[in-house]
Amino acid sequence: CAANTAVCFSAIGGISATLLTCIKRATIVAYEDLKTEAVQKLE
């Protein structure tokens, strides 16, 4: 993080329903064969 000017965030476990309301669109963009582990673009 220091070398690359990057950060790590925590999303608090247990607030999944709250996080859901913040997602306006979801699209699979890679590795659809991984099913629930496919890469999704979230707006």
PDB file of all heavy atoms in Angstrom:
ATOM      1  N   CYS A   1       0.842  -1.208   0.000  1.00  0.00           N
ATOM      2  CA  CYS A   1       0.000   0.000   0.000  1.00  0.00           C
ATOM      3  C   CYS A   1       0.874   1.254   0.000  1.00  0.00           C
ATOM      4  O   CYS A   1       0.603   2.200  -0.745  1.00  0.00           O
ATOM      5  CB  CYS A   1      -0.932   0.003   1.210  1.00  0.00           C
ATOM      6  SG  CYS A   1      -2.345  -1.106   1.063  1.00  0.00           S
ATOM      7  N   ALA A   2       1.926   1.255   0.806  1.00  0.00           N
ATOM      8  CA  ALA A   2       2.821   2.412   0.863  1.00  0.00           C
ATOM      9  C   ALA A   2       3.573   2.572  -0.459  1.00  0.00           C
ATOM     10  O   ALA A   2       3.687   3.685  -0.988  1.00  0.00           O
ATOM     11  CB  ALA A   2       3.795   2.266   2.029  1.00  0.00           C
ATOM     12  N   ALA A   3       4.070   1.484  -1.015  1.00  0.00           N
ATOM     13  CA  ALA A   3       4.861   1.548  -2.249  1.00  0.00           C
ATOM     14  C   ALA A   3       4.029   1.933  -3.468  1.00  0.00           C
ATOM     15  O   ALA A   3       4.534   2.576  -4.392  1.00  0.00           O
ATOM     16  CB  ALA A   3       5.545   0.204  -2.493  1.00  0.00           C
ATOM     17  N   ASN A   4       2.746   1.560  -3.467  1.00  0.00           N
ATOM     18  CA  ASN A   4       1.889   1.759  -4.637  1.00  0.00           C
ATOM     19  C   ASN A   4       0.825   2.833  -4.470  1.00  0.00           C
ATOM     20  O   ASN A   4      -0.016   3.000  -5.346  1.00  0.00           O
ATOM     21  CB  ASN A   4       1.211   0.439  -5.011  1.00  0.00           C
ATOM     22  CG  ASN A   4       2.198  -0.577  -5.517  1.00  0.00           C
ATOM     23  OD1 ASN A   4       2.799  -0.398  -6.567  1.00  0.00           O
ATOM     24  ND2 ASN A   4       2.394  -1.647  -4.762  1.00  0.00           N
ATOM     25  N   THR A   5       0.848   3.554  -3.363  1.00  0.00           N
ATOM     26  CA  THR A   5      -0.195   4.524  -3.037  1.00  0.00           C
ATOM     27  C   THR A   5      -1.562   3.873  -3.221  1.00  0.00           C
ATOM     28  O   THR A   5      -2.388   4.275  -4.042  1.00  0.00           O
ATOM     29  CB  THR A   5      -0.077   5.807  -3.886  1.00  0.00           C
ATOM     30  OG1 THR A   5       1.295   6.244  -3.893  1.00  0.00           O
ATOM     31  CG2 THR A   5      -0.943   6.925  -3.320  1.00  0.00           C
ATOM     32  N   ALA A   6      -1.776   2.826  -2.439  1.00  0.00           N
ATOM     33  CA  ALA A   6      -3.036   2.075  -2.463  1.00  0.00           C
ATOM     34  C   ALA A   6      -3.570   1.968  -1.042  1.00  0.00           C
ATOM     35  O   ALA A   6      -2.847   2.245  -0.075  1.00  0.00           O
ATOM     36  CB  ALA A   6      -2.799   0.684  -3.050  1.00  0.00           C
ATOM     37  N   VAL A   7      -4.830   1.582  -0.913  1.00  0.00           N
ATOM     38  CA  VAL A   7      -5.444   1.430   0.403  1.00  0.00           C
ATOM     39  C   VAL A   7      -6.260   0.143   0.458  1.00  0.00           C
ATOM     40  O   VAL A   7      -6.694  -0.376  -0.574  1.00  0.00           O
ATOM     41  CB  VAL A   7      -6.367   2.615   0.771  1.00  0.00           C
ATOM     42  CG1 VAL A   7      -5.601   3.913   0.869  1.00  0.00           C
ATOM     43  CG2 VAL A   7      -7.512   2.745  -0.198  1.00  0.00           C
ATOM     44  N   CYS A   8      -6.460  -0.328   1.674  1.00  0.00           N
ATOM     45  CA  CYS A   8      -7.379  -1.432   1.904  1.00  0.00           C
ATOM     46  C   CYS A   8      -8.520  -0.915   2.768  1.00  0.00           C
ATOM     47  O   CYS A   8      -8.307  -0.148   3.709  1.00  0.00           O
ATOM     48  CB  CYS A   8      -6.686  -2.593   2.614  1.00  0.00           C
ATOM     49  SG  CYS A   8      -5.437  -3.393   1.588  1.00  0.00           S
ATOM     50  N   PHE A   9      -9.708  -1.334   2.405  1.00  0.00           N
ATOM     51  CA  PHE A   9     -10.910  -0.970   3.130  1.00  0.00           C
ATOM     52  C   PHE A   9     -11.517  -2.220   3.739  1.00  0.00           C
ATOM     53  O   PHE A   9     -11.360  -3.315   3.206  1.00  0.00           O
ATOM     54  CB  PHE A   9     -11.969  -0.384   2.184  1.00  0.00           C
ATOM     55  CG  PHE A   9     -11.561   0.837   1.426  1.00  0.00           C
ATOM     56  CD1 PHE A   9     -11.239   0.761   0.075  1.00  0.00           C
ATOM     57  CD2 PHE A   9     -11.528   2.086   2.034  1.00  0.00           C
ATOM     58  CE1 PHE A   9     -10.904   1.887  -0.662  1.00  0.00           C
ATOM     59  CE2 PHE A   9     -11.190   3.217   1.313  1.00  0.00           C
ATOM     60  CZ  PHE A   9     -10.876   3.127  -0.038  1.00  0.00           C
ATOM     61  N   SER A  10     -12.241  -2.038   4.824  1.00  0.00           N
ATOM     62  CA  SER A  10     -13.059  -3.116   5.355  1.00  0.00           C
ATOM     63  C   SER A  10     -14.516  -2.737   5.184  1.00  0.00           C
ATOM     64  O   SER A  10     -14.910  -1.595   5.449  1.00  0.00           O
ATOM     65  CB  SER A  10     -12.781  -3.362   6.840  1.00  0.00           C
ATOM     66  OG  SER A  10     -11.617  -4.139   6.987  1.00  0.00           O
ATOM     67  N   ALA A  11     -15.272  -3.714   4.709  1.00  0.00           N
ATOM     68  CA  ALA A  11     -16.728  -3.613   4.714  1.00  0.00           C
ATOM     69  C   ALA A  11     -17.142  -4.458   5.899  1.00  0.00           C
ATOM     70  O   ALA A  11     -16.746  -5.616   6.003  1.00  0.00           O
ATOM     71  CB  ALA A  11     -17.315  -4.150   3.418  1.00  0.00           C
ATOM     72  N   ILE A  12     -17.847  -3.889   6.781  1.00  0.00           N
ATOM     73  CA  ILE A  12     -18.172  -4.570   8.023  1.00  0.00           C
ATOM     74  C   ILE A  12     -19.064  -5.767   7.749  1.00  0.00           C
ATOM     75  O   ILE A  12     -20.111  -5.639   7.125  1.00  0.00           O
ATOM     76  CB  ILE A  12     -18.844  -3.599   9.013  1.00  0.00           C
ATOM     77  CG1 ILE A  12     -17.879  -2.446   9.327  1.00  0.00           C
ATOM     78  CG2 ILE A  12     -19.265  -4.312  10.279  1.00  0.00           C
ATOM     79  CD1 ILE A  12     -18.519  -1.281  10.028  1.00  0.00           C
ATOM     80  N   GLY A  13     -18.611  -6.933   8.198  1.00  0.00           N
ATOM     81  CA  GLY A  13     -19.432  -8.133   8.073  1.00  0.00           C
ATOM     82  C   GLY A  13     -20.736  -7.946   8.834  1.00  0.00           C
ATOM     83  O   GLY A  13     -20.777  -7.272   9.859  1.00  0.00           O
ATOM     84  N   GLY A  14     -21.801  -8.507   8.325  1.00  0.00           N
ATOM     85  CA  GLY A  14     -23.090  -8.390   9.002  1.00  0.00           C
ATOM     86  C   GLY A  14     -23.966  -7.278   8.464  1.00  0.00           C
ATOM     87  O   GLY A  14     -25.113  -7.150   8.880  1.00  0.00           O
ATOM     88  N   ILE A  15     -23.440  -6.458   7.546  1.00  0.00           N
ATOM     89  CA  ILE A  15     -24.282  -5.398   6.982  1.00  0.00           C
ATOM     90  C   ILE A  15     -24.557  -5.652   5.504  1.00  0.00           C
ATOM     91  O   ILE A  15     -24.742  -4.733   4.725  1.00  0.00           O
ATOM     92  CB  ILE A  15     -23.696  -3.986   7.206  1.00  0.00           C
ATOM     93  CG1 ILE A  15     -22.374  -3.791   6.458  1.00  0.00           C
ATOM     94  CG2 ILE A  15     -23.538  -3.667   8.667  1.00  0.00           C
ATOM     95  CD1 ILE A  15     -21.973  -2.321   6.341  1.00  0.00           C
ATOM     96  N   SER A  16     -24.595  -6.915   5.135  1.00  0.00           N
ATOM     97  CA  SER A  16     -24.776  -7.284   3.730  1.00  0.00           C
ATOM     98  C   SER A  16     -26.019  -6.664   3.112  1.00  0.00           C
ATOM     99  O   SER A  16     -26.000  -6.231   1.962  1.00  0.00           O
ATOM    100  CB  SER A  16     -24.817  -8.801   3.594  1.00  0.00           C
ATOM    101  OG  SER A  16     -23.599  -9.349   4.035  1.00  0.00           O
ATOM    102  N   ALA A  17     -27.111  -6.624   3.853  1.00  0.00           N
ATOM    103  CA  ALA A  17     -28.344  -6.041   3.314  1.00  0.00           C
ATOM    104  C   ALA A  17     -28.151  -4.552   3.034  1.00  0.00           C
ATOM    105  O   ALA A  17     -28.674  -4.020   2.049  1.00  0.00           O
ATOM    106  CB  ALA A  17     -29.503  -6.265   4.266  1.00  0.00           C
ATOM    107  N   THR A  18     -27.380  -3.868   3.873  1.00  0.00           N
ATOM    108  CA  THR A  18     -27.100  -2.448   3.648  1.00  0.00           C
ATOM    109  C   THR A  18     -26.247  -2.269   2.412  1.00  0.00           C
ATOM    110  O   THR A  18     -26.503  -1.390   1.573  1.00  0.00           O
ATOM    111  CB  THR A  18     -26.390  -1.834   4.875  1.00  0.00           C
ATOM    112  OG1 THR A  18     -27.254  -1.971   5.997  1.00  0.00           O
ATOM    113  CG2 THR A  18     -26.055  -0.375   4.649  1.00  0.00           C
ATOM    114  N   LEU A  19     -25.211  -3.116   2.264  1.00  0.00           N
ATOM    115  CA  LEU A  19     -24.353  -3.027   1.083  1.00  0.00           C
ATOM    116  C   LEU A  19     -25.165  -3.241  -0.185  1.00  0.00           C
ATOM    117  O   LEU A  19     -24.946  -2.570  -1.190  1.00  0.00           O
ATOM    118  CB  LEU A  19     -23.219  -4.050   1.163  1.00  0.00           C
ATOM    119  CG  LEU A  19     -22.218  -3.874   2.307  1.00  0.00           C
ATOM    120  CD1 LEU A  19     -21.188  -5.001   2.282  1.00  0.00           C
ATOM    121  CD2 LEU A  19     -21.544  -2.520   2.266  1.00  0.00           C
ATOM    122  N   LEU A  20     -26.110  -4.165  -0.135  1.00  0.00           N
ATOM    123  CA  LEU A  20     -26.951  -4.467  -1.293  1.00  0.00           C
ATOM    124  C   LEU A  20     -27.680  -3.217  -1.790  1.00  0.00           C
ATOM    125  O   LEU A  20     -27.778  -2.990  -2.984  1.00  0.00           O
ATOM    126  CB  LEU A  20     -27.953  -5.570  -0.955  1.00  0.00           C
ATOM    127  CG  LEU A  20     -28.974  -5.927  -2.038  1.00  0.00           C
ATOM    128  CD1 LEU A  20     -28.270  -6.489  -3.256  1.00  0.00           C
ATOM    129  CD2 LEU A  20     -29.981  -6.914  -1.491  1.00  0.00           C
ATOM    130  N   THR A  21     -28.160  -2.394  -0.879  1.00  0.00           N
ATOM    131  CA  THR A  21     -28.901  -1.196  -1.287  1.00  0.00           C
ATOM    132  C   THR A  21     -28.005  -0.171  -1.978  1.00  0.00           C
ATOM    133  O   THR A  21     -28.500   0.716  -2.663  1.00  0.00           O
ATOM    134  CB  THR A  21     -29.610  -0.525  -0.090  1.00  0.00           C
ATOM    135  OG1 THR A  21     -28.625  -0.032   0.821  1.00  0.00           O
ATOM    136  CG2 THR A  21     -30.555  -1.489   0.608  1.00  0.00           C
ATOM    137  N   CYS A  22     -26.692  -0.284  -1.793  1.00  0.00           N
ATOM    138  CA  CYS A  22     -25.745   0.648  -2.421  1.00  0.00           C
ATOM    139  C   CYS A  22     -25.342   0.215  -3.822  1.00  0.00           C
ATOM    140  O   CYS A  22     -24.703   0.978  -4.547  1.00  0.00           O
ATOM    141  CB  CYS A  22     -24.480   0.759  -1.562  1.00  0.00           C
ATOM    142  SG  CYS A  22     -24.791   1.381   0.101  1.00  0.00           S
ATOM    143  N   ILE A  23     -25.700  -1.011  -4.215  1.00  0.00           N
ATOM    144  CA  ILE A  23     -25.342  -1.521  -5.536  1.00  0.00           C
ATOM    145  C   ILE A  23     -26.481  -1.220  -6.507  1.00  0.00           C
ATOM    146  O   ILE A  23     -27.594  -1.696  -6.336  1.00  0.00           O
ATOM    147  CB  ILE A  23     -25.056  -3.036  -5.477  1.00  0.00           C
ATOM    148  CG1 ILE A  23     -23.890  -3.304  -4.524  1.00  0.00           C
ATOM    149  CG2 ILE A  23     -24.753  -3.580  -6.873  1.00  0.00           C
ATOM    150  CD1 ILE A  23     -23.666  -4.765  -4.211  1.00  0.00           C
ATOM    151  N   LYS A  24     -26.175  -0.420  -7.510  1.00  0.00           N
ATOM    152  CA  LYS A  24     -27.193   0.020  -8.459  1.00  0.00           C
ATOM    153  C   LYS A  24     -27.253  -0.829  -9.722  1.00  0.00           C
ATOM    154  O   LYS A  24     -28.272  -0.893 -10.385  1.00  0.00           O
ATOM    155  CB  LYS A  24     -26.961   1.492  -8.831  1.00  0.00           C
ATOM    156  CG  LYS A  24     -26.903   2.422  -7.619  1.00  0.00           C
ATOM    157  CD  LYS A  24     -28.135   2.269  -6.736  1.00  0.00           C
ATOM    158  CE  LYS A  24     -28.053   3.140  -5.491  1.00  0.00           C
ATOM    159  NZ  LYS A  24     -29.145   2.871  -4.561  1.00  0.00           N
ATOM    160  N   ARG A  25     -26.124  -1.472 -10.055  1.00  0.00           N
ATOM    161  CA  ARG A  25     -26.087  -2.335 -11.230  1.00  0.00           C
ATOM    162  C   ARG A  25     -24.967  -3.357 -11.049  1.00  0.00           C
ATOM    163  O   ARG A  25     -23.922  -3.033 -10.493  1.00  0.00           O
ATOM    164  CB  ARG A  25     -25.854  -1.522 -12.497  1.00  0.00           C
ATOM    165  CG  ARG A  25     -25.959  -2.368 -13.757  1.00  0.00           C
ATOM    166  CD  ARG A  25     -25.955  -1.583 -15.036  1.00  0.00           C
ATOM    167  NE  ARG A  25     -25.163  -0.370 -14.941  1.00  0.00           N
ATOM    168  CZ  ARG A  25     -25.339   0.691 -15.692  1.00  0.00           C
ATOM    169  NH1 ARG A  25     -26.273   0.711 -16.592  1.00  0.00           N
ATOM    170  NH2 ARG A  25     -24.578   1.748 -15.571  1.00  0.00           N
ATOM    171  N   ALA A  26     -25.184  -4.573 -11.545  1.00  0.00           N
ATOM    172  CA  ALA A  26     -24.175  -5.630 -11.480  1.00  0.00           C
ATOM    173  C   ALA A  26     -24.133  -6.355 -12.814  1.00  0.00           C
ATOM    174  O   ALA A  26     -25.176  -6.733 -13.353  1.00  0.00           O
ATOM    175  CB  ALA A  26     -24.506  -6.613 -10.360  1.00  0.00           C
ATOM    176  N   THR A  27     -22.922  -6.520 -13.342  1.00  0.00           N
ATOM    177  CA  THR A  27     -22.741  -7.173 -14.630  1.00  0.00           C
ATOM    178  C   THR A  27     -21.540  -8.106 -14.556  1.00  0.00           C
ATOM    179  O   THR A  27     -20.457  -7.674 -14.130  1.00  0.00           O
ATOM    180  CB  THR A  27     -22.465  -6.125 -15.739  1.00  0.00           C
ATOM    181  OG1 THR A  27     -23.468  -5.113 -15.683  1.00  0.00           O
ATOM    182  CG2 THR A  27     -22.447  -6.762 -17.102  1.00  0.00           C
ATOM    183  N   ILE A  28     -21.707  -9.342 -14.971  1.00  0.00           N
ATOM    184  CA  ILE A  28     -20.568 -10.254 -15.047  1.00  0.00           C
ATOM    185  C   ILE A  28     -19.694  -9.803 -16.209  1.00  0.00           C
ATOM    186  O   ILE A  28     -20.169  -9.643 -17.330  1.00  0.00           O
ATOM    187  CB  ILE A  28     -21.027 -11.715 -15.218  1.00  0.00           C
ATOM    188  CG1 ILE A  28     -21.761 -12.183 -13.963  1.00  0.00           C
ATOM    189  CG2 ILE A  28     -19.833 -12.626 -15.529  1.00  0.00           C
ATOM    190  CD1 ILE A  28     -22.371 -13.573 -14.065  1.00  0.00           C
ATOM    191  N   VAL A  29     -18.386  -9.609 -15.932  1.00  0.00           N
ATOM    192  CA  VAL A  29     -17.474  -9.109 -16.960  1.00  0.00           C
ATOM    193  C   VAL A  29     -16.324 -10.065 -17.268  1.00  0.00           C
ATOM    194  O   VAL A  29     -15.596  -9.852 -18.238  1.00  0.00           O
ATOM    195  CB  VAL A  29     -16.909  -7.718 -16.590  1.00  0.00           C
ATOM    196  CG1 VAL A  29     -18.022  -6.670 -16.612  1.00  0.00           C
ATOM    197  CG2 VAL A  29     -16.198  -7.742 -15.250  1.00  0.00           C
ATOM    198  N   ALA A  30     -16.170 -11.123 -16.472  1.00  0.00           N
ATOM    199  CA  ALA A  30     -15.102 -12.092 -16.739  1.00  0.00           C
ATOM    200  C   ALA A  30     -15.358 -13.375 -15.955  1.00  0.00           C
ATOM    201  O   ALA A  30     -15.931 -13.337 -14.859  1.00  0.00           O
ATOM    202  CB  ALA A  30     -13.739 -11.526 -16.355  1.00  0.00           C
ATOM    203  N   TYR A  31     -14.934 -14.475 -16.554  1.00  0.00           N
ATOM    204  CA  TYR A  31     -14.933 -15.782 -15.895  1.00  0.00           C
ATOM    205  C   TYR A  31     -16.323 -16.233 -15.451  1.00  0.00           C
ATOM    206  O   TYR A  31     -16.522 -16.709 -14.333  1.00  0.00           O
ATOM    207  CB  TYR A  31     -13.962 -15.801 -14.716  1.00  0.00           C
ATOM    208  CG  TYR A  31     -12.590 -15.280 -15.046  1.00  0.00           C
ATOM    209  CD1 TYR A  31     -11.915 -14.437 -14.168  1.00  0.00           C
ATOM    210  CD2 TYR A  31     -11.956 -15.622 -16.243  1.00  0.00           C
ATOM    211  CE1 TYR A  31     -10.649 -13.958 -14.459  1.00  0.00           C
ATOM    212  CE2 TYR A  31     -10.685 -15.142 -16.550  1.00  0.00           C
ATOM    213  CZ  TYR A  31     -10.043 -14.311 -15.652  1.00  0.00           C
ATOM    214  OH  TYR A  31      -8.785 -13.838 -15.956  1.00  0.00           O
ATOM    215  N   GLU A  32     -17.287 -16.124 -16.344  1.00  0.00           N
ATOM    216  CA  GLU A  32     -18.664 -16.532 -16.047  1.00  0.00           C
ATOM    217  C   GLU A  32     -18.729 -17.993 -15.598  1.00  0.00           C
ATOM    218  O   GLU A  32     -19.595 -18.370 -14.811  1.00  0.00           O
ATOM    219  CB  GLU A  32     -19.560 -16.301 -17.259  1.00  0.00           C
ATOM    220  CG  GLU A  32     -21.031 -16.486 -16.962  1.00  0.00           C
ATOM    221  CD  GLU A  32     -21.928 -16.002 -18.093  1.00  0.00           C
ATOM    222  OE1 GLU A  32     -21.429 -15.487 -19.104  1.00  0.00           O
ATOM    223  OE2 GLU A  32     -23.154 -16.147 -17.941  1.00  0.00           O
ATOM    224  N   ASP A  33     -17.783 -18.810 -16.077  1.00  0.00           N
ATOM    225  CA  ASP A  33     -17.763 -20.223 -15.706  1.00  0.00           C
ATOM    226  C   ASP A  33     -17.535 -20.435 -14.208  1.00  0.00           C
ATOM    227  O   ASP A  33     -17.833 -21.501 -13.677  1.00  0.00           O
ATOM    228  CB  ASP A  33     -16.685 -20.983 -16.496  1.00  0.00           C
ATOM    229  CG  ASP A  33     -15.291 -20.460 -16.211  1.00  0.00           C
ATOM    230  OD1 ASP A  33     -15.036 -19.250 -16.439  1.00  0.00           O
ATOM    231  OD2 ASP A  33     -14.439 -21.253 -15.757  1.00  0.00           O
ATOM    232  N   LEU A  34     -17.047 -19.409 -13.497  1.00  0.00           N
ATOM    233  CA  LEU A  34     -16.832 -19.521 -12.057  1.00  0.00           C
ATOM    234  C   LEU A  34     -18.111 -19.313 -11.249  1.00  0.00           C
ATOM    235  O   LEU A  34     -18.079 -19.348 -10.026  1.00  0.00           O
ATOM    236  CB  LEU A  34     -15.755 -18.525 -11.606  1.00  0.00           C
ATOM    237  CG  LEU A  34     -14.349 -18.766 -12.141  1.00  0.00           C
ATOM    238  CD1 LEU A  34     -13.407 -17.663 -11.672  1.00  0.00           C
ATOM    239  CD2 LEU A  34     -13.834 -20.133 -11.732  1.00  0.00           C
ATOM    240  N   LYS A  35     -19.199 -19.059 -11.931  1.00  0.00           N
ATOM    241  CA  LYS A  35     -20.521 -18.867 -11.312  1.00  0.00           C
ATOM    242  C   LYS A  35     -20.479 -17.771 -10.243  1.00  0.00           C
ATOM    243  O   LYS A  35     -20.268 -16.628 -10.562  1.00  0.00           O
ATOM    244  CB  LYS A  35     -21.048 -20.194 -10.794  1.00  0.00           C
ATOM    245  CG  LYS A  35     -21.123 -21.242 -11.913  1.00  0.00           C
ATOM    246  CD  LYS A  35     -22.012 -22.375 -11.576  1.00  0.00           C
ATOM    247  CE  LYS A  35     -22.073 -23.447 -12.608  1.00  0.00           C
ATOM    248  NZ  LYS A  35     -21.947 -23.153 -13.986  1.00  0.00           N
ATOM    249  N   THR A  36     -20.690 -18.085  -8.965  1.00  0.00           N
ATOM    250  CA  THR A  36     -20.732 -17.037  -7.938  1.00  0.00           C
ATOM    251  C   THR A  36     -19.384 -16.364  -7.727  1.00  0.00           C
ATOM    252  O   THR A  36     -19.321 -15.312  -7.099  1.00  0.00           O
ATOM    253  CB  THR A  36     -21.235 -17.580  -6.585  1.00  0.00           C
ATOM    254  OG1 THR A  36     -20.356 -18.618  -6.143  1.00  0.00           O
ATOM    255  CG2 THR A  36     -22.653 -18.095  -6.682  1.00  0.00           C
ATOM    256  N   GLU A  37     -18.308 -16.955  -8.274  1.00  0.00           N
ATOM    257  CA  GLU A  37     -16.993 -16.329  -8.161  1.00  0.00           C
ATOM    258  C   GLU A  37     -16.587 -15.610  -9.446  1.00  0.00           C
ATOM    259  O   GLU A  37     -15.450 -15.152  -9.582  1.00  0.00           O
ATOM    260  CB  GLU A  37     -15.928 -17.347  -7.750  1.00  0.00           C
ATOM    261  CG  GLU A  37     -16.073 -17.768  -6.302  1.00  0.00           C
ATOM    262  CD  GLU A  37     -14.785 -18.291  -5.693  1.00  0.00           C
ATOM    263  OE1 GLU A  37     -13.694 -17.804  -6.062  1.00  0.00           O
ATOM    264  OE2 GLU A  37     -14.873 -19.181  -4.852  1.00  0.00           O
ATOM    265  N   ALA A  38     -17.505 -15.492 -10.397  1.00  0.00           N
ATOM    266  CA  ALA A  38     -17.228 -14.725 -11.612  1.00  0.00           C
ATOM    267  C   ALA A  38     -16.931 -13.277 -11.235  1.00  0.00           C
ATOM    268  O   ALA A  38     -17.401 -12.776 -10.207  1.00  0.00           O
ATOM    269  CB  ALA A  38     -18.430 -14.779 -12.550  1.00  0.00           C
ATOM    270  N   VAL A  39     -16.155 -12.596 -12.053  1.00  0.00           N
ATOM    271  CA  VAL A  39     -15.856 -11.183 -11.807  1.00  0.00           C
ATOM    272  C   VAL A  39     -17.073 -10.367 -12.222  1.00  0.00           C
ATOM    273  O   VAL A  39     -17.564 -10.495 -13.346  1.00  0.00           O
ATOM    274  CB  VAL A  39     -14.612 -10.730 -12.596  1.00  0.00           C
ATOM    275  CG1 VAL A  39     -14.336  -9.247 -12.355  1.00  0.00           C
ATOM    276  CG2 VAL A  39     -13.405 -11.578 -12.226  1.00  0.00           C
ATOM    277  N   GLN A  40     -17.542  -9.547 -11.289  1.00  0.00           N
ATOM    278  CA  GLN A  40     -18.689  -8.685 -11.585  1.00  0.00           C
ATOM    279  C   GLN A  40     -18.302  -7.226 -11.452  1.00  0.00           C
ATOM    280  O   GLN A  40     -17.598  -6.832 -10.514  1.00  0.00           O
ATOM    281  CB  GLN A  40     -19.848  -9.002 -10.637  1.00  0.00           C
ATOM    282  CG  GLN A  40     -20.423 -10.386 -10.877  1.00  0.00           C
ATOM    283  CD  GLN A  40     -21.815 -10.511 -10.317  1.00  0.00           C
ATOM    284  OE1 GLN A  40     -22.649  -9.626 -10.502  1.00  0.00           O
ATOM    285  NE2 GLN A  40     -22.080 -11.621  -9.638  1.00  0.00           N
ATOM    286  N   LYS A  41     -18.775  -6.446 -12.399  1.00  0.00           N
ATOM    287  CA  LYS A  41     -18.632  -4.993 -12.351  1.00  0.00           C
ATOM    288  C   LYS A  41     -19.844  -4.464 -11.598  1.00  0.00           C
ATOM    289  O   LYS A  41     -20.988  -4.701 -12.012  1.00  0.00           O
ATOM    290  CB  LYS A  41     -18.588  -4.439 -13.776  1.00  0.00           C
ATOM    291  CG  LYS A  41     -18.497  -2.936 -13.862  1.00  0.00           C
ATOM    292  CD  LYS A  41     -18.474  -2.522 -15.330  1.00  0.00           C
ATOM    293  CE  LYS A  41     -18.401  -1.022 -15.469  1.00  0.00           C
ATOM    294  NZ  LYS A  41     -18.388  -0.624 -16.895  1.00  0.00           N
ATOM    295  N   LEU A  42     -19.587  -3.788 -10.492  1.00  0.00           N
ATOM    296  CA  LEU A  42     -20.668  -3.242  -9.680  1.00  0.00           C
ATOM    297  C   LEU A  42     -20.655  -1.718  -9.772  1.00  0.00           C
ATOM    298  O   LEU A  42     -19.613  -1.093  -9.587  1.00  0.00           O
ATOM    299  CB  LEU A  42     -20.507  -3.649  -8.210  1.00  0.00           C
ATOM    300  CG  LEU A  42     -20.391  -5.139  -7.888  1.00  0.00           C
ATOM    301  CD1 LEU A  42     -20.217  -5.337  -6.389  1.00  0.00           C
ATOM    302  CD2 LEU A  42     -21.584  -5.908  -8.415  1.00  0.00           C
ATOM    303  N   GLU A  43     -21.805  -1.148 -10.063  1.00  0.00           N
ATOM    304  CA  GLU A  43     -21.977   0.304  -9.993  1.00  0.00           C
ATOM    305  C   GLU A  43     -22.562   0.578  -8.616  1.00  0.00           C
ATOM    306  O   GLU A  43     -23.639   0.066  -8.278  1.00  0.00           O
ATOM    307  CB  GLU A  43     -22.905   0.803 -11.092  1.00  0.00           C
ATOM    308  CG  GLU A  43     -22.410   0.527 -12.504  1.00  0.00           C
ATOM    309  CD  GLU A  43     -21.094   1.211 -12.834  1.00  0.00           C
ATOM    310  OE1 GLU A  43     -20.818   2.294 -12.276  1.00  0.00           O
ATOM    311  OE2 GLU A  43     -20.336   0.654 -13.645  1.00  0.00           O
TER     312      GLU A  43
END
